[in-house]
PDB file of all heavy atoms in Angstrom:
ATOM      1  N   CYS A   1      29.229  33.747 -38.086  1.00  0.00           N
ATOM      2  CA  CYS A   1      28.915  34.071 -39.470  1.00  0.00           C
ATOM      3  C   CYS A   1      27.630  33.361 -39.908  1.00  0.00           C
ATOM      4  O   CYS A   1      26.945  32.714 -39.116  1.00  0.00           O
ATOM      5  CB  CYS A   1      30.095  33.705 -40.366  1.00  0.00           C
ATOM      6  SG  CYS A   1      30.045  34.524 -41.980  1.00  0.00           S
ATOM      7  N   ASP A   2      27.297  33.470 -41.199  1.00  0.00           N
ATOM      8  CA  ASP A   2      26.085  32.844 -41.725  1.00  0.00           C
ATOM      9  C   ASP A   2      26.276  32.496 -43.191  1.00  0.00           C
ATOM     10  O   ASP A   2      27.311  32.794 -43.797  1.00  0.00           O
ATOM     11  CB  ASP A   2      24.868  33.752 -41.531  1.00  0.00           C
ATOM     12  CG  ASP A   2      25.065  35.142 -42.119  1.00  0.00           C
ATOM     13  OD1 ASP A   2      25.576  35.236 -43.250  1.00  0.00           O
ATOM     14  OD2 ASP A   2      24.727  36.129 -41.450  1.00  0.00           O
ATOM     15  N   SER A   3      25.268  31.881 -43.785  1.00  0.00           N
ATOM     16  CA  SER A   3      25.365  31.405 -45.164  1.00  0.00           C
ATOM     17  C   SER A   3      25.422  32.542 -46.170  1.00  0.00           C
ATOM     18  O   SER A   3      25.916  32.362 -47.290  1.00  0.00           O
ATOM     19  CB  SER A   3      24.186  30.483 -45.481  1.00  0.00           C
ATOM     20  OG  SER A   3      22.954  31.090 -45.129  1.00  0.00           O
ATOM     21  N   ILE A   4      24.944  33.723 -45.807  1.00  0.00           N
ATOM     22  CA  ILE A   4      25.002  34.869 -46.711  1.00  0.00           C
ATOM     23  C   ILE A   4      26.431  35.324 -46.918  1.00  0.00           C
ATOM     24  O   ILE A   4      26.798  35.820 -47.984  1.00  0.00           O
ATOM     25  CB  ILE A   4      24.139  36.029 -46.159  1.00  0.00           C
ATOM     26  CG1 ILE A   4      22.662  35.619 -46.144  1.00  0.00           C
ATOM     27  CG2 ILE A   4      24.323  37.297 -46.977  1.00  0.00           C
ATOM     28  CD1 ILE A   4      21.769  36.624 -45.446  1.00  0.00           C
ATOM     29  N   LYS A   5      27.285  35.115 -45.914  1.00  0.00           N
ATOM     30  CA  LYS A   5      28.665  35.599 -45.980  1.00  0.00           C
ATOM     31  C   LYS A   5      29.695  34.484 -46.125  1.00  0.00           C
ATOM     32  O   LYS A   5      30.876  34.772 -46.297  1.00  0.00           O
ATOM     33  CB  LYS A   5      28.987  36.431 -44.740  1.00  0.00           C
ATOM     34  CG  LYS A   5      28.182  37.719 -44.626  1.00  0.00           C
ATOM     35  CD  LYS A   5      28.596  38.520 -43.418  1.00  0.00           C
ATOM     36  CE  LYS A   5      27.848  39.848 -43.357  1.00  0.00           C
ATOM     37  NZ  LYS A   5      26.409  39.669 -43.153  1.00  0.00           N
ATOM     38  N   SER A   6      29.271  33.239 -46.062  1.00  0.00           N
ATOM     39  CA  SER A   6      30.218  32.132 -46.185  1.00  0.00           C
ATOM     40  C   SER A   6      29.629  31.000 -47.012  1.00  0.00           C
ATOM     41  O   SER A   6      28.611  30.399 -46.629  1.00  0.00           O
ATOM     42  CB  SER A   6      30.619  31.604 -44.798  1.00  0.00           C
ATOM     43  OG  SER A   6      31.326  30.384 -44.920  1.00  0.00           O
ATOM     44  N   SER A   7      30.279  30.693 -48.132  1.00  0.00           N
ATOM     45  CA  SER A   7      29.828  29.584 -48.974  1.00  0.00           C
ATOM     46  C   SER A   7      29.982  28.256 -48.245  1.00  0.00           C
ATOM     47  O   SER A   7      29.212  27.316 -48.484  1.00  0.00           O
ATOM     48  CB  SER A   7      30.623  29.565 -50.284  1.00  0.00           C
ATOM     49  OG  SER A   7      32.027  29.467 -50.024  1.00  0.00           O
ATOM     50  N   GLN A   8      30.981  28.154 -47.353  1.00  0.00           N
ATOM     51  CA  GLN A   8      31.166  26.908 -46.607  1.00  0.00           C
ATOM     52  C   GLN A   8      30.016  26.682 -45.624  1.00  0.00           C
ATOM     53  O   GLN A   8      29.566  25.543 -45.438  1.00  0.00           O
ATOM     54  CB  GLN A   8      32.502  26.941 -45.861  1.00  0.00           C
ATOM     55  CG  GLN A   8      33.717  26.786 -46.753  1.00  0.00           C
ATOM     56  CD  GLN A   8      33.712  25.483 -47.532  1.00  0.00           C
ATOM     57  OE1 GLN A   8      33.459  24.420 -46.981  1.00  0.00           O
ATOM     58  NE2 GLN A   8      33.998  25.569 -48.826  1.00  0.00           N
ATOM     59  N   ILE A   9      29.540  27.748 -44.993  1.00  0.00           N
ATOM     60  CA  ILE A   9      28.376  27.603 -44.114  1.00  0.00           C
ATOM     61  C   ILE A   9      27.150  27.244 -44.940  1.00  0.00           C
ATOM     62  O   ILE A   9      26.304  26.453 -44.507  1.00  0.00           O
ATOM     63  CB  ILE A   9      28.144  28.896 -43.299  1.00  0.00           C
ATOM     64  CG1 ILE A   9      29.249  29.061 -42.260  1.00  0.00           C
ATOM     65  CG2 ILE A   9      26.776  28.877 -42.617  1.00  0.00           C
ATOM     66  CD1 ILE A   9      29.119  30.290 -41.392  1.00  0.00           C
ATOM     67  N   ASN A  10      27.064  27.788 -46.152  1.00  0.00           N
ATOM     68  CA  ASN A  10      25.928  27.439 -47.009  1.00  0.00           C
ATOM     69  C   ASN A  10      25.953  25.956 -47.378  1.00  0.00           C
ATOM     70  O   ASN A  10      24.916  25.286 -47.402  1.00  0.00           O
ATOM     71  CB  ASN A  10      25.940  28.297 -48.268  1.00  0.00           C
ATOM     72  CG  ASN A  10      24.598  28.298 -48.967  1.00  0.00           C
ATOM     73  OD1 ASN A  10      23.544  28.265 -48.323  1.00  0.00           O
ATOM     74  ND2 ASN A  10      24.609  28.348 -50.290  1.00  0.00           N
ATOM     75  N   LYS A  11      27.149  25.419 -47.643  1.00  0.00           N
ATOM     76  CA  LYS A  11      27.267  23.973 -47.900  1.00  0.00           C
ATOM     77  C   LYS A  11      26.893  23.176 -46.659  1.00  0.00           C
ATOM     78  O   LYS A  11      26.233  22.137 -46.742  1.00  0.00           O
ATOM     79  CB  LYS A  11      28.700  23.638 -48.325  1.00  0.00           C
ATOM     80  CG  LYS A  11      29.090  24.146 -49.698  1.00  0.00           C
ATOM     81  CD  LYS A  11      30.537  23.786 -50.016  1.00  0.00           C
ATOM     82  CE  LYS A  11      30.960  24.308 -51.380  1.00  0.00           C
ATOM     83  NZ  LYS A  11      32.377  23.978 -51.680  1.00  0.00           N
ATOM     84  N   GLU A  12      27.339  23.661 -45.512  1.00  0.00           N
ATOM     85  CA  GLU A  12      27.015  23.004 -44.249  1.00  0.00           C
ATOM     86  C   GLU A  12      25.515  23.021 -44.012  1.00  0.00           C
ATOM     87  O   GLU A  12      24.933  22.029 -43.548  1.00  0.00           O
ATOM     88  CB  GLU A  12      27.744  23.711 -43.112  1.00  0.00           C
ATOM     89  CG  GLU A  12      27.599  23.048 -41.760  1.00  0.00           C
ATOM     90  CD  GLU A  12      28.291  23.858 -40.671  1.00  0.00           C
ATOM     91  OE1 GLU A  12      27.689  24.827 -40.195  1.00  0.00           O
ATOM     92  OE2 GLU A  12      29.439  23.515 -40.319  1.00  0.00           O
ATOM     93  N   ALA A  13      24.867  24.152 -44.333  1.00  0.00           N
ATOM     94  CA  ALA A  13      23.422  24.274 -44.143  1.00  0.00           C
ATOM     95  C   ALA A  13      22.668  23.264 -45.007  1.00  0.00           C
ATOM     96  O   ALA A  13      21.652  22.704 -44.580  1.00  0.00           O
ATOM     97  CB  ALA A  13      22.977  25.692 -44.478  1.00  0.00           C
ATOM     98  N   LYS A  14      23.180  23.014 -46.196  1.00  0.00           N
ATOM     99  CA  LYS A  14      22.534  22.041 -47.079  1.00  0.00           C
ATOM    100  C   LYS A  14      22.563  20.648 -46.461  1.00  0.00           C
ATOM    101  O   LYS A  14      21.605  19.881 -46.583  1.00  0.00           O
ATOM    102  CB  LYS A  14      23.242  22.032 -48.439  1.00  0.00           C
ATOM    103  CG  LYS A  14      22.575  21.140 -49.476  1.00  0.00           C
ATOM    104  CD  LYS A  14      23.251  21.278 -50.830  1.00  0.00           C
ATOM    105  CE  LYS A  14      22.541  20.438 -51.882  1.00  0.00           C
ATOM    106  NZ  LYS A  14      23.167  20.592 -53.229  1.00  0.00           N
ATOM    107  N   ARG A  15      23.657  20.339 -45.756  1.00  0.00           N
ATOM    108  CA  ARG A  15      23.798  19.018 -45.142  1.00  0.00           C
ATOM    109  C   ARG A  15      23.042  18.885 -43.818  1.00  0.00           C
ATOM    110  O   ARG A  15      22.548  17.811 -43.483  1.00  0.00           O
ATOM    111  CB  ARG A  15      25.282  18.709 -44.906  1.00  0.00           C
ATOM    112  CG  ARG A  15      26.125  18.600 -46.146  1.00  0.00           C
ATOM    113  CD  ARG A  15      27.494  18.001 -45.834  1.00  0.00           C
ATOM    114  NE  ARG A  15      28.227  18.768 -44.844  1.00  0.00           N
ATOM    115  CZ  ARG A  15      29.063  19.768 -45.141  1.00  0.00           C
ATOM    116  NH1 ARG A  15      29.230  20.127 -46.405  1.00  0.00           N
ATOM    117  NH2 ARG A  15      29.711  20.401 -44.190  1.00  0.00           N
ATOM    118  N   HIS A  16      22.972  19.994 -43.061  1.00  0.00           N
ATOM    119  CA  HIS A  16      22.505  19.887 -41.677  1.00  0.00           C
ATOM    120  C   HIS A  16      21.260  20.710 -41.351  1.00  0.00           C
ATOM    121  O   HIS A  16      20.877  20.788 -40.177  1.00  0.00           O
ATOM    122  CB  HIS A  16      23.630  20.299 -40.726  1.00  0.00           C
ATOM    123  CG  HIS A  16      24.852  19.455 -40.829  1.00  0.00           C
ATOM    124  ND1 HIS A  16      24.870  18.123 -40.465  1.00  0.00           N
ATOM    125  CD2 HIS A  16      26.110  19.747 -41.272  1.00  0.00           C
ATOM    126  CE1 HIS A  16      26.090  17.631 -40.652  1.00  0.00           C
ATOM    127  NE2 HIS A  16      26.849  18.591 -41.147  1.00  0.00           N
ATOM    128  N   LYS A  17      20.633  21.314 -42.346  1.00  0.00           N
ATOM    129  CA  LYS A  17      19.491  22.181 -42.063  1.00  0.00           C
ATOM    130  C   LYS A  17      18.317  21.431 -41.429  1.00  0.00           C
ATOM    131  O   LYS A  17      17.430  22.046 -40.835  1.00  0.00           O
ATOM    132  CB  LYS A  17      19.025  22.874 -43.346  1.00  0.00           C
ATOM    133  CG  LYS A  17      18.590  21.915 -44.452  1.00  0.00           C
ATOM    134  CD  LYS A  17      18.283  22.666 -45.735  1.00  0.00           C
ATOM    135  CE  LYS A  17      17.918  21.716 -46.867  1.00  0.00           C
ATOM    136  NZ  LYS A  17      17.673  22.448 -48.145  1.00  0.00           N
ATOM    137  N   HIS A  18      18.329  20.101 -41.510  1.00  0.00           N
ATOM    138  CA  HIS A  18      17.257  19.304 -40.915  1.00  0.00           C
ATOM    139  C   HIS A  18      17.392  19.190 -39.400  1.00  0.00           C
ATOM    140  O   HIS A  18      16.422  18.820 -38.713  1.00  0.00           O
ATOM    141  CB  HIS A  18      17.273  17.891 -41.509  1.00  0.00           C
ATOM    142  CG  HIS A  18      18.523  17.125 -41.200  1.00  0.00           C
ATOM    143  ND1 HIS A  18      19.711  17.343 -41.883  1.00  0.00           N
ATOM    144  CD2 HIS A  18      18.803  16.174 -40.262  1.00  0.00           C
ATOM    145  CE1 HIS A  18      20.644  16.542 -41.394  1.00  0.00           C
ATOM    146  NE2 HIS A  18      20.130  15.830 -40.410  1.00  0.00           N
ATOM    147  N   LEU A  19      18.582  19.500 -38.861  1.00  0.00           N
ATOM    148  CA  LEU A  19      18.778  19.381 -37.419  1.00  0.00           C
ATOM    149  C   LEU A  19      17.917  20.407 -36.687  1.00  0.00           C
ATOM    150  O   LEU A  19      17.783  21.549 -37.128  1.00  0.00           O
ATOM    151  CB  LEU A  19      20.252  19.586 -37.067  1.00  0.00           C
ATOM    152  CG  LEU A  19      21.221  18.531 -37.615  1.00  0.00           C
ATOM    153  CD1 LEU A  19      22.663  18.903 -37.280  1.00  0.00           C
ATOM    154  CD2 LEU A  19      20.887  17.152 -37.056  1.00  0.00           C
ATOM    155  N   PRO A  20      17.316  20.033 -35.559  1.00  0.00           N
ATOM    156  CA  PRO A  20      16.329  20.903 -34.896  1.00  0.00           C
ATOM    157  C   PRO A  20      16.846  22.267 -34.463  1.00  0.00           C
ATOM    158  O   PRO A  20      16.093  23.229 -34.451  1.00  0.00           O
ATOM    159  CB  PRO A  20      15.876  20.070 -33.689  1.00  0.00           C
ATOM    160  CG  PRO A  20      16.945  19.031 -33.497  1.00  0.00           C
ATOM    161  CD  PRO A  20      17.476  18.751 -34.855  1.00  0.00           C
ATOM    162  N   HIS A  21      18.117  22.374 -34.093  1.00  0.00           N
ATOM    163  CA  HIS A  21      18.620  23.658 -33.604  1.00  0.00           C
ATOM    164  C   HIS A  21      19.749  24.217 -34.470  1.00  0.00           C
ATOM    165  O   HIS A  21      20.526  25.050 -34.012  1.00  0.00           O
ATOM    166  CB  HIS A  21      19.092  23.510 -32.146  1.00  0.00           C
ATOM    167  CG  HIS A  21      18.004  23.056 -31.223  1.00  0.00           C
ATOM    168  ND1 HIS A  21      16.823  23.737 -31.083  1.00  0.00           N
ATOM    169  CD2 HIS A  21      17.913  21.963 -30.420  1.00  0.00           C
ATOM    170  CE1 HIS A  21      16.045  23.102 -30.217  1.00  0.00           C
ATOM    171  NE2 HIS A  21      16.686  22.023 -29.813  1.00  0.00           N
ATOM    172  N   TYR A  22      19.804  23.761 -35.723  1.00  0.00           N
ATOM    173  CA  TYR A  22      20.785  24.329 -36.637  1.00  0.00           C
ATOM    174  C   TYR A  22      20.288  25.698 -37.091  1.00  0.00           C
ATOM    175  O   TYR A  22      19.158  25.824 -37.571  1.00  0.00           O
ATOM    176  CB  TYR A  22      21.009  23.423 -37.841  1.00  0.00           C
ATOM    177  CG  TYR A  22      22.106  23.903 -38.753  1.00  0.00           C
ATOM    178  CD1 TYR A  22      23.442  23.749 -38.389  1.00  0.00           C
ATOM    179  CD2 TYR A  22      21.815  24.553 -39.937  1.00  0.00           C
ATOM    180  CE1 TYR A  22      24.464  24.222 -39.206  1.00  0.00           C
ATOM    181  CE2 TYR A  22      22.829  25.028 -40.759  1.00  0.00           C
ATOM    182  CZ  TYR A  22      24.151  24.853 -40.384  1.00  0.00           C
ATOM    183  OH  TYR A  22      25.163  25.327 -41.184  1.00  0.00           O
ATOM    184  N   PRO A  23      21.087  26.770 -36.935  1.00  0.00           N
ATOM    185  CA  PRO A  23      20.562  28.134 -37.103  1.00  0.00           C
ATOM    186  C   PRO A  23      20.590  28.709 -38.514  1.00  0.00           C
ATOM    187  O   PRO A  23      19.977  29.745 -38.762  1.00  0.00           O
ATOM    188  CB  PRO A  23      21.489  28.954 -36.196  1.00  0.00           C
ATOM    189  CG  PRO A  23      22.804  28.245 -36.299  1.00  0.00           C
ATOM    190  CD  PRO A  23      22.464  26.775 -36.414  1.00  0.00           C
ATOM    191  N   HIS A  24      21.299  28.054 -39.448  1.00  0.00           N
ATOM    192  CA  HIS A  24      21.505  28.679 -40.750  1.00  0.00           C
ATOM    193  C   HIS A  24      20.560  28.131 -41.811  1.00  0.00           C
ATOM    194  O   HIS A  24      20.252  26.942 -41.829  1.00  0.00           O
ATOM    195  CB  HIS A  24      22.949  28.483 -41.205  1.00  0.00           C
ATOM    196  CG  HIS A  24      23.960  28.993 -40.227  1.00  0.00           C
ATOM    197  ND1 HIS A  24      24.012  30.307 -39.836  1.00  0.00           N
ATOM    198  CD2 HIS A  24      24.949  28.351 -39.542  1.00  0.00           C
ATOM    199  CE1 HIS A  24      24.982  30.463 -38.960  1.00  0.00           C
ATOM    200  NE2 HIS A  24      25.559  29.298 -38.762  1.00  0.00           N
ATOM    201  N   LYS A  25      20.164  29.012 -42.712  1.00  0.00           N
ATOM    202  CA  LYS A  25      19.309  28.627 -43.828  1.00  0.00           C
ATOM    203  C   LYS A  25      20.160  28.480 -45.087  1.00  0.00           C
ATOM    204  O   LYS A  25      21.102  29.244 -45.310  1.00  0.00           O
ATOM    205  CB  LYS A  25      18.226  29.685 -44.053  1.00  0.00           C
ATOM    206  CG  LYS A  25      17.229  29.800 -42.910  1.00  0.00           C
ATOM    207  CD  LYS A  25      16.172  30.847 -43.236  1.00  0.00           C
ATOM    208  CE  LYS A  25      15.157  30.953 -42.111  1.00  0.00           C
ATOM    209  NZ  LYS A  25      14.121  31.982 -42.401  1.00  0.00           N
ATOM    210  N   GLU A  26      19.792  27.508 -45.897  1.00  0.00           N
ATOM    211  CA  GLU A  26      20.465  27.361 -47.181  1.00  0.00           C
ATOM    212  C   GLU A  26      19.966  28.439 -48.131  1.00  0.00           C
ATOM    213  O   GLU A  26      18.769  28.716 -48.206  1.00  0.00           O
ATOM    214  CB  GLU A  26      20.196  25.976 -47.771  1.00  0.00           C
ATOM    215  CG  GLU A  26      20.913  25.737 -49.087  1.00  0.00           C
ATOM    216  CD  GLU A  26      20.529  24.430 -49.748  1.00  0.00           C
ATOM    217  OE1 GLU A  26      19.596  23.761 -49.241  1.00  0.00           O
ATOM    218  OE2 GLU A  26      21.139  24.088 -50.778  1.00  0.00           O
ATOM    219  N   ILE A  27      20.877  29.063 -48.848  1.00  0.00           N
ATOM    220  CA  ILE A  27      20.501  30.070 -49.834  1.00  0.00           C
ATOM    221  C   ILE A  27      20.867  29.581 -51.228  1.00  0.00           C
ATOM    222  O   ILE A  27      21.606  28.607 -51.388  1.00  0.00           O
ATOM    223  CB  ILE A  27      21.214  31.415 -49.549  1.00  0.00           C
ATOM    224  CG1 ILE A  27      22.748  31.251 -49.667  1.00  0.00           C
ATOM    225  CG2 ILE A  27      20.835  31.970 -48.191  1.00  0.00           C
ATOM    226  CD1 ILE A  27      23.503  32.564 -49.644  1.00  0.00           C
ATOM    227  N   ASP A  28      20.325  30.256 -52.225  1.00  0.00           N
ATOM    228  CA  ASP A  28      20.648  29.933 -53.613  1.00  0.00           C
ATOM    229  C   ASP A  28      22.041  30.467 -53.916  1.00  0.00           C
ATOM    230  O   ASP A  28      22.236  31.679 -54.045  1.00  0.00           O
ATOM    231  CB  ASP A  28      19.603  30.559 -54.533  1.00  0.00           C
ATOM    232  CG  ASP A  28      19.865  30.251 -56.007  1.00  0.00           C
ATOM    233  OD1 ASP A  28      20.871  29.578 -56.313  1.00  0.00           O
ATOM    234  OD2 ASP A  28      19.068  30.698 -56.856  1.00  0.00           O
ATOM    235  N   GLN A  29      23.017  29.591 -54.017  1.00  0.00           N
ATOM    236  CA  GLN A  29      24.409  30.013 -54.181  1.00  0.00           C
ATOM    237  C   GLN A  29      24.623  30.792 -55.474  1.00  0.00           C
ATOM    238  O   GLN A  29      25.530  31.635 -55.555  1.00  0.00           O
ATOM    239  CB  GLN A  29      25.331  28.792 -54.127  1.00  0.00           C
ATOM    240  CG  GLN A  29      26.811  29.104 -54.066  1.00  0.00           C
ATOM    241  CD  GLN A  29      27.231  29.905 -52.837  1.00  0.00           C
ATOM    242  OE1 GLN A  29      26.674  29.722 -51.763  1.00  0.00           O
ATOM    243  NE2 GLN A  29      28.195  30.798 -52.999  1.00  0.00           N
ATOM    244  N   SER A  30      23.785  30.551 -56.464  1.00  0.00           N
ATOM    245  CA  SER A  30      23.962  31.246 -57.747  1.00  0.00           C
ATOM    246  C   SER A  30      23.740  32.751 -57.623  1.00  0.00           C
ATOM    247  O   SER A  30      24.219  33.529 -58.461  1.00  0.00           O
ATOM    248  CB  SER A  30      23.024  30.666 -58.801  1.00  0.00           C
ATOM    249  OG  SER A  30      21.671  30.931 -58.484  1.00  0.00           O
ATOM    250  N   THR A  31      23.023  33.188 -56.579  1.00  0.00           N
ATOM    251  CA  THR A  31      22.795  34.632 -56.391  1.00  0.00           C
ATOM    252  C   THR A  31      24.076  35.358 -56.004  1.00  0.00           C
ATOM    253  O   THR A  31      24.119  36.594 -56.014  1.00  0.00           O
ATOM    254  CB  THR A  31      21.737  34.889 -55.307  1.00  0.00           C
ATOM    255  OG1 THR A  31      22.204  34.371 -54.044  1.00  0.00           O
ATOM    256  CG2 THR A  31      20.419  34.220 -55.659  1.00  0.00           C
ATOM    257  N   MET A  32      25.110  34.608 -55.666  1.00  0.00           N
ATOM    258  CA  MET A  32      26.381  35.210 -55.265  1.00  0.00           C
ATOM    259  C   MET A  32      27.325  35.449 -56.443  1.00  0.00           C
ATOM    260  O   MET A  32      28.441  35.925 -56.267  1.00  0.00           O
ATOM    261  CB  MET A  32      27.078  34.309 -54.236  1.00  0.00           C
ATOM    262  CG  MET A  32      26.265  34.104 -52.967  1.00  0.00           C
ATOM    263  SD  MET A  32      26.153  35.619 -52.009  1.00  0.00           S
ATOM    264  CE  MET A  32      24.589  35.387 -51.163  1.00  0.00           C
ATOM    265  N   ASP A  33      26.877  35.128 -57.664  1.00  0.00           N
ATOM    266  CA  ASP A  33      27.742  35.249 -58.845  1.00  0.00           C
ATOM    267  C   ASP A  33      27.478  36.520 -59.652  1.00  0.00           C
ATOM    268  O   ASP A  33      27.899  36.625 -60.802  1.00  0.00           O
ATOM    269  CB  ASP A  33      27.550  34.026 -59.752  1.00  0.00           C
ATOM    270  CG  ASP A  33      27.993  32.735 -59.086  1.00  0.00           C
ATOM    271  OD1 ASP A  33      28.886  32.803 -58.217  1.00  0.00           O
ATOM    272  OD2 ASP A  33      27.441  31.671 -59.420  1.00  0.00           O
TER     273      ASP A  33
END
């Protein structure tokens, strides 16, 4: 899955997006409301 389809992955992306091989991008969660 990815951050577009999972809010939990989006939270994870916020914490770990700095890792060199982390594949997910953080998105603006407010766009999901």
